[in-house]
Amino acid sequence: MADHQTLSAVFFLLLVPHAACMAMAKPSSSTLLQDKCELYAAGDRPSYDYCIRTLRADRASATDDERGLAAIAARIARATAVATGAKIARLQRGETAPARRDGLAACAAEYAAAVRRLGRAARDVVSRSRGGAGAREMREAQTLLAEVTGAPERCDVAFKAAGGQGSPLDAVDRDRARRRGRVGLRHPAADEADVM
């Protein structure tokens, strides 16, 4: 599912070690963003471009440090989870098959939890970047994000368990990618015209 790319990007950015030795050779924010996106993409150019484009959508990425980039990524992923929740609500209103309604209800609960977890993780990261939180809060943020990255797969499993069919969210994501001529999910603000 395309939403997984955004959720996993956040997970990666927060799991990358926040070394205290960054002060020794602190790269510019632009270089830091490029370095983080190169690590995230692991040599895959479309993933690198996606990472750069998504994080640069927030102007603060030009001046933020590692934790600032992680907070931006968490906010973007939260916005994506909110948009996915809205998409699920629209699908629920039009669905009449009981098995599909059950699958959509499970997905709605999964994405509502993702929204809460991502909000909490972003607050923990921002608090840490302001000196208010410590290692415990960063571990908590990482735990929350680990739980969030499984949301798309758990949604797919719920649909298979409910009736053996795939998630209608997959069809929406595939159709959106086909219309754009590429795979991947853009920043939710860029997707507003694509909303069903």
C-alpha atoms as a PDB file:
ATOM      1  CA  MET A   1       0.000   0.000   0.000  1.00  0.00           C
ATOM      2  CA  ALA A   2       1.380   3.419  -0.928  1.00  0.00           C
ATOM      3  CA  ASP A   3       0.696   4.920   2.508  1.00  0.00           C
ATOM      4  CA  HIS A   4       3.326   2.563   3.864  1.00  0.00           C
ATOM      5  CA  GLN A   5       6.062   4.537   2.084  1.00  0.00           C
ATOM      6  CA  THR A   6       5.245   7.676   4.072  1.00  0.00           C
ATOM      7  CA  LEU A   7       4.925   5.792   7.340  1.00  0.00           C
ATOM      8  CA  SER A   8       8.194   3.932   6.836  1.00  0.00           C
ATOM      9  CA  ALA A   9       9.993   7.167   5.926  1.00  0.00           C
ATOM     10  CA  VAL A  10       9.087   8.590   9.314  1.00  0.00           C
ATOM     11  CA  PHE A  11      10.150   5.421  11.076  1.00  0.00           C
ATOM     12  CA  PHE A  12      13.511   5.516   9.350  1.00  0.00           C
ATOM     13  CA  LEU A  13      14.182   9.163  10.144  1.00  0.00           C
ATOM     14  CA  LEU A  14      13.505   8.629  13.824  1.00  0.00           C
ATOM     15  CA  LEU A  15      15.440   5.398  14.106  1.00  0.00           C
ATOM     16  CA  VAL A  16      18.593   6.823  12.571  1.00  0.00           C
ATOM     17  CA  PRO A  17      20.858   7.393  15.562  1.00  0.00           C
ATOM     18  CA  HIS A  18      20.878  10.923  16.889  1.00  0.00           C
ATOM     19  CA  ALA A  19      24.561  11.028  17.652  1.00  0.00           C
ATOM     20  CA  ALA A  20      25.931  13.606  20.018  1.00  0.00           C
ATOM     21  CA  CYS A  21      28.993  13.719  17.796  1.00  0.00           C
ATOM     22  CA  MET A  22      26.957  15.611  15.172  1.00  0.00           C
ATOM     23  CA  ALA A  23      28.310  18.794  16.731  1.00  0.00           C
ATOM     24  CA  MET A  24      31.817  17.908  15.524  1.00  0.00           C
ATOM     25  CA  ALA A  25      30.991  18.187  11.843  1.00  0.00           C
ATOM     26  CA  LYS A  26      27.494  19.561  11.592  1.00  0.00           C
ATOM     27  CA  PRO A  27      26.406  19.518   7.944  1.00  0.00           C
ATOM     28  CA  SER A  28      24.186  22.201   6.486  1.00  0.00           C
ATOM     29  CA  SER A  29      20.463  21.451   6.698  1.00  0.00           C
ATOM     30  CA  SER A  30      20.321  20.900   2.954  1.00  0.00           C
ATOM     31  CA  THR A  31      23.180  18.402   3.133  1.00  0.00           C
ATOM     32  CA  LEU A  32      21.594  16.751   6.176  1.00  0.00           C
ATOM     33  CA  LEU A  33      18.307  16.383   4.305  1.00  0.00           C
ATOM     34  CA  GLN A  34      20.106  14.916   1.304  1.00  0.00           C
ATOM     35  CA  ASP A  35      22.122  12.555   3.521  1.00  0.00           C
ATOM     36  CA  LYS A  36      19.010  11.329   5.350  1.00  0.00           C
ATOM     37  CA  CYS A  37      17.128  10.841   2.095  1.00  0.00           C
ATOM     38  CA  GLU A  38      20.068   8.952   0.573  1.00  0.00           C
ATOM     39  CA  LEU A  39      20.077   6.609   3.568  1.00  0.00           C
ATOM     40  CA  TYR A  40      16.303   6.179   3.348  1.00  0.00           C
ATOM     41  CA  ALA A  41      16.377   5.494  -0.399  1.00  0.00           C
ATOM     42  CA  ALA A  42      19.302   3.033  -0.265  1.00  0.00           C
ATOM     43  CA  GLY A  43      20.232   3.806  -3.868  1.00  0.00           C
ATOM     44  CA  ASP A  44      16.682   3.888  -5.251  1.00  0.00           C
ATOM     45  CA  ARG A  45      16.355   7.204  -7.121  1.00  0.00           C
ATOM     46  CA  PRO A  46      12.516   7.422  -7.043  1.00  0.00           C
ATOM     47  CA  SER A  47      12.590   6.887  -3.260  1.00  0.00           C
ATOM     48  CA  TYR A  48      15.275   9.556  -2.872  1.00  0.00           C
ATOM     49  CA  ASP A  49      13.270  12.017  -4.972  1.00  0.00           C
ATOM     50  CA  TYR A  50      10.141  11.172  -2.974  1.00  0.00           C
ATOM     51  CA  CYS A  51      11.955  11.785   0.319  1.00  0.00           C
ATOM     52  CA  ILE A  52      13.442  15.112  -0.806  1.00  0.00           C
ATOM     53  CA  ARG A  53      10.176  16.341  -2.327  1.00  0.00           C
ATOM     54  CA  THR A  54       8.117  15.307   0.682  1.00  0.00           C
ATOM     55  CA  LEU A  55      10.368  16.851   3.319  1.00  0.00           C
ATOM     56  CA  ARG A  56      11.043  20.010   1.314  1.00  0.00           C
ATOM     57  CA  ALA A  57       7.281  20.590   1.218  1.00  0.00           C
ATOM     58  CA  ASP A  58       7.837  21.918   4.744  1.00  0.00           C
ATOM     59  CA  ARG A  59       9.923  25.104   4.641  1.00  0.00           C
ATOM     60  CA  ALA A  60      11.442  24.354   8.045  1.00  0.00           C
ATOM     61  CA  SER A  61      13.368  21.448   6.505  1.00  0.00           C
ATOM     62  CA  ALA A  62      15.799  24.002   5.075  1.00  0.00           C
ATOM     63  CA  THR A  63      17.041  24.922   8.552  1.00  0.00           C
ATOM     64  CA  ASP A  64      16.211  21.945  10.770  1.00  0.00           C
ATOM     65  CA  ASP A  65      18.563  19.472  12.399  1.00  0.00           C
ATOM     66  CA  GLU A  66      18.019  15.680  12.565  1.00  0.00           C
ATOM     67  CA  ARG A  67      15.283  15.886  15.156  1.00  0.00           C
ATOM     68  CA  GLY A  68      13.586  18.714  13.305  1.00  0.00           C
ATOM     69  CA  LEU A  69      13.535  16.612  10.142  1.00  0.00           C
ATOM     70  CA  ALA A  70      12.153  13.693  12.150  1.00  0.00           C
ATOM     71  CA  ALA A  71       9.393  15.919  13.554  1.00  0.00           C
ATOM     72  CA  ILE A  72       8.560  17.163  10.042  1.00  0.00           C
ATOM     73  CA  ALA A  73       8.421  13.588   8.766  1.00  0.00           C
ATOM     74  CA  ALA A  74       6.155  12.592  11.670  1.00  0.00           C
ATOM     75  CA  ARG A  75       3.803  15.512  10.944  1.00  0.00           C
ATOM     76  CA  ILE A  76       3.697  14.623   7.241  1.00  0.00           C
ATOM     77  CA  ALA A  77       3.002  10.974   8.041  1.00  0.00           C
ATOM     78  CA  ARG A  78       0.279  12.063  10.478  1.00  0.00           C
ATOM     79  CA  ALA A  79      -1.314  14.184   7.748  1.00  0.00           C
ATOM     80  CA  THR A  80      -1.174  11.155   5.448  1.00  0.00           C
ATOM     81  CA  ALA A  81      -2.802   8.975   8.116  1.00  0.00           C
ATOM     82  CA  VAL A  82      -5.527  11.621   8.602  1.00  0.00           C
ATOM     83  CA  ALA A  83      -6.114  11.727   4.818  1.00  0.00           C
ATOM     84  CA  THR A  84      -6.252   7.928   4.713  1.00  0.00           C
ATOM     85  CA  GLY A  85      -8.753   7.958   7.589  1.00  0.00           C
ATOM     86  CA  ALA A  86     -10.918  10.400   5.618  1.00  0.00           C
ATOM     87  CA  LYS A  87     -10.638   8.159   2.546  1.00  0.00           C
ATOM     88  CA  ILE A  88     -11.748   5.194   4.667  1.00  0.00           C
ATOM     89  CA  ALA A  89     -14.726   7.185   6.006  1.00  0.00           C
ATOM     90  CA  ARG A  90     -15.811   7.997   2.420  1.00  0.00           C
ATOM     91  CA  LEU A  91     -15.517   4.342   1.450  1.00  0.00           C
ATOM     92  CA  GLN A  92     -17.497   3.313   4.547  1.00  0.00           C
ATOM     93  CA  ARG A  93     -20.392   5.586   3.585  1.00  0.00           C
ATOM     94  CA  GLY A  94     -20.761   3.875   0.209  1.00  0.00           C
ATOM     95  CA  GLU A  95     -20.060   0.268   1.216  1.00  0.00           C
ATOM     96  CA  THR A  96     -22.981  -2.160   1.550  1.00  0.00           C
ATOM     97  CA  ALA A  97     -21.226  -5.551   1.761  1.00  0.00           C
ATOM     98  CA  PRO A  98     -20.941  -6.570   5.439  1.00  0.00           C
ATOM     99  CA  ALA A  99     -17.475  -8.142   5.055  1.00  0.00           C
ATOM    100  CA  ARG A 100     -16.105  -5.016   3.379  1.00  0.00           C
ATOM    101  CA  ARG A 101     -17.740  -2.806   6.023  1.00  0.00           C
ATOM    102  CA  ASP A 102     -15.995  -4.900   8.706  1.00  0.00           C
ATOM    103  CA  GLY A 103     -12.666  -4.514   6.921  1.00  0.00           C
ATOM    104  CA  LEU A 104     -13.166  -0.765   6.597  1.00  0.00           C
ATOM    105  CA  ALA A 105     -14.088  -0.505  10.292  1.00  0.00           C
ATOM    106  CA  ALA A 106     -10.860  -2.311  11.222  1.00  0.00           C
ATOM    107  CA  CYS A 107      -8.873  -0.001   8.934  1.00  0.00           C
ATOM    108  CA  ALA A 108     -10.582   3.074  10.389  1.00  0.00           C
ATOM    109  CA  ALA A 109      -9.566   1.986  13.895  1.00  0.00           C
ATOM    110  CA  GLU A 110      -6.018   1.233  12.728  1.00  0.00           C
ATOM    111  CA  TYR A 111      -5.542   4.638  11.101  1.00  0.00           C
ATOM    112  CA  ALA A 112      -7.166   6.499  14.009  1.00  0.00           C
ATOM    113  CA  ALA A 113      -4.577   4.850  16.268  1.00  0.00           C
ATOM    114  CA  ALA A 114      -1.830   5.790  13.782  1.00  0.00           C
ATOM    115  CA  VAL A 115      -2.925   9.446  13.902  1.00  0.00           C
ATOM    116  CA  ARG A 116      -2.730   9.443  17.708  1.00  0.00           C
ATOM    117  CA  ARG A 117       0.641   7.674  17.763  1.00  0.00           C
ATOM    118  CA  LEU A 118       2.171   9.951  15.148  1.00  0.00           C
ATOM    119  CA  GLY A 119       0.963  13.034  16.994  1.00  0.00           C
ATOM    120  CA  ARG A 120       2.505  11.763  20.199  1.00  0.00           C
ATOM    121  CA  ALA A 121       5.757  10.807  18.449  1.00  0.00           C
ATOM    122  CA  ALA A 122       6.023  14.259  16.851  1.00  0.00           C
ATOM    123  CA  ARG A 123       5.476  15.909  20.248  1.00  0.00           C
ATOM    124  CA  ASP A 124       8.140  13.687  21.820  1.00  0.00           C
ATOM    125  CA  VAL A 125      10.657  14.537  19.101  1.00  0.00           C
ATOM    126  CA  VAL A 126       9.913  18.272  19.263  1.00  0.00           C
ATOM    127  CA  SER A 127      10.159  18.191  23.052  1.00  0.00           C
ATOM    128  CA  ARG A 128      13.534  16.461  22.771  1.00  0.00           C
ATOM    129  CA  SER A 129      14.797  18.969  20.221  1.00  0.00           C
ATOM    130  CA  ARG A 130      13.945  21.760  22.665  1.00  0.00           C
ATOM    131  CA  GLY A 131      15.891  20.016  25.402  1.00  0.00           C
ATOM    132  CA  GLY A 132      12.779  18.990  27.311  1.00  0.00           C
ATOM    133  CA  ALA A 133      12.879  15.259  26.782  1.00  0.00           C
ATOM    134  CA  GLY A 134      15.489  12.595  26.993  1.00  0.00           C
ATOM    135  CA  ALA A 135      16.333   9.151  25.745  1.00  0.00           C
ATOM    136  CA  ARG A 136      13.136   7.709  27.231  1.00  0.00           C
ATOM    137  CA  GLU A 137      10.964  10.008  25.111  1.00  0.00           C
ATOM    138  CA  MET A 138      12.954   9.204  21.985  1.00  0.00           C
ATOM    139  CA  ARG A 139      12.548   5.470  22.659  1.00  0.00           C
ATOM    140  CA  GLU A 140       8.829   6.038  23.171  1.00  0.00           C
ATOM    141  CA  ALA A 141       8.624   7.933  19.863  1.00  0.00           C
ATOM    142  CA  GLN A 142      10.469   5.093  18.131  1.00  0.00           C
ATOM    143  CA  THR A 143       8.118   2.521  19.683  1.00  0.00           C
ATOM    144  CA  LEU A 144       5.075   4.501  18.561  1.00  0.00           C
ATOM    145  CA  LEU A 145       6.465   4.712  15.054  1.00  0.00           C
ATOM    146  CA  ALA A 146       7.257   1.003  14.965  1.00  0.00           C
ATOM    147  CA  GLU A 147       3.585   0.378  15.733  1.00  0.00           C
ATOM    148  CA  VAL A 148       2.450   2.823  13.044  1.00  0.00           C
ATOM    149  CA  THR A 149       4.505   1.354  10.203  1.00  0.00           C
ATOM    150  CA  GLY A 150       2.435  -1.825  10.325  1.00  0.00           C
ATOM    151  CA  ALA A 151      -0.894  -0.009   9.831  1.00  0.00           C
ATOM    152  CA  PRO A 152      -1.199  -0.596   6.059  1.00  0.00           C
ATOM    153  CA  GLU A 153      -0.394  -4.303   6.372  1.00  0.00           C
ATOM    154  CA  ARG A 154      -2.784  -4.748   9.314  1.00  0.00           C
ATOM    155  CA  CYS A 155      -5.485  -3.045   7.261  1.00  0.00           C
ATOM    156  CA  ASP A 156      -4.836  -5.445   4.370  1.00  0.00           C
ATOM    157  CA  VAL A 157      -4.955  -8.428   6.748  1.00  0.00           C
ATOM    158  CA  ALA A 158      -8.276  -7.200   8.160  1.00  0.00           C
ATOM    159  CA  PHE A 159      -9.765  -7.196   4.663  1.00  0.00           C
ATOM    160  CA  LYS A 160      -8.498 -10.660   3.879  1.00  0.00           C
ATOM    161  CA  ALA A 161      -9.854 -11.943   7.200  1.00  0.00           C
ATOM    162  CA  ALA A 162     -13.214 -10.263   6.599  1.00  0.00           C
ATOM    163  CA  GLY A 163     -13.853 -11.850   3.245  1.00  0.00           C
ATOM    164  CA  GLY A 164     -10.740 -12.809   1.400  1.00  0.00           C
ATOM    165  CA  GLN A 165     -10.788  -9.708  -0.757  1.00  0.00           C
ATOM    166  CA  GLY A 166      -8.098  -7.087  -1.020  1.00  0.00           C
ATOM    167  CA  SER A 167      -8.425  -3.653   0.480  1.00  0.00           C
ATOM    168  CA  PRO A 168     -10.292  -1.043  -1.597  1.00  0.00           C
ATOM    169  CA  LEU A 169      -7.584   1.367  -0.439  1.00  0.00           C
ATOM    170  CA  ASP A 170      -5.117  -0.529  -2.622  1.00  0.00           C
ATOM    171  CA  ALA A 171      -7.309   0.049  -5.673  1.00  0.00           C
ATOM    172  CA  VAL A 172      -7.569   3.773  -4.916  1.00  0.00           C
ATOM    173  CA  ASP A 173      -3.789   4.033  -4.459  1.00  0.00           C
ATOM    174  CA  ARG A 174      -3.093   2.070  -7.666  1.00  0.00           C
ATOM    175  CA  ASP A 175      -5.520   4.245  -9.631  1.00  0.00           C
ATOM    176  CA  ARG A 176      -3.926   7.423  -8.248  1.00  0.00           C
ATOM    177  CA  ALA A 177      -0.442   6.147  -9.160  1.00  0.00           C
ATOM    178  CA  ARG A 178      -1.600   5.131 -12.648  1.00  0.00           C
ATOM    179  CA  ARG A 179      -3.064   8.601 -13.281  1.00  0.00           C
ATOM    180  CA  ARG A 180       0.222  10.157 -12.186  1.00  0.00           C
ATOM    181  CA  GLY A 181       2.292   7.679 -14.176  1.00  0.00           C
ATOM    182  CA  ARG A 182       4.362   6.603 -11.182  1.00  0.00           C
ATOM    183  CA  VAL A 183       4.184   4.774  -7.900  1.00  0.00           C
ATOM    184  CA  GLY A 184       4.259   6.508  -4.556  1.00  0.00           C
ATOM    185  CA  LEU A 185       2.210   8.786  -2.393  1.00  0.00           C
ATOM    186  CA  ARG A 186       2.799  12.493  -2.477  1.00  0.00           C
ATOM    187  CA  HIS A 187       2.349  14.909   0.377  1.00  0.00           C
ATOM    188  CA  PRO A 188      -1.376  14.949   1.312  1.00  0.00           C
ATOM    189  CA  ALA A 189      -1.697  18.634   0.357  1.00  0.00           C
ATOM    190  CA  ALA A 190      -0.675  17.705  -3.177  1.00  0.00           C
ATOM    191  CA  ASP A 191      -3.262  14.904  -3.201  1.00  0.00           C
ATOM    192  CA  GLU A 192      -6.315  17.035  -2.454  1.00  0.00           C
ATOM    193  CA  ALA A 193      -7.339  17.047  -6.115  1.00  0.00           C
ATOM    194  CA  ASP A 194      -7.151  13.244  -6.166  1.00  0.00           C
ATOM    195  CA  VAL A 195      -9.461  12.673  -3.208  1.00  0.00           C
ATOM    196  CA  MET A 196     -12.487  10.558  -4.069  1.00  0.00           C
END
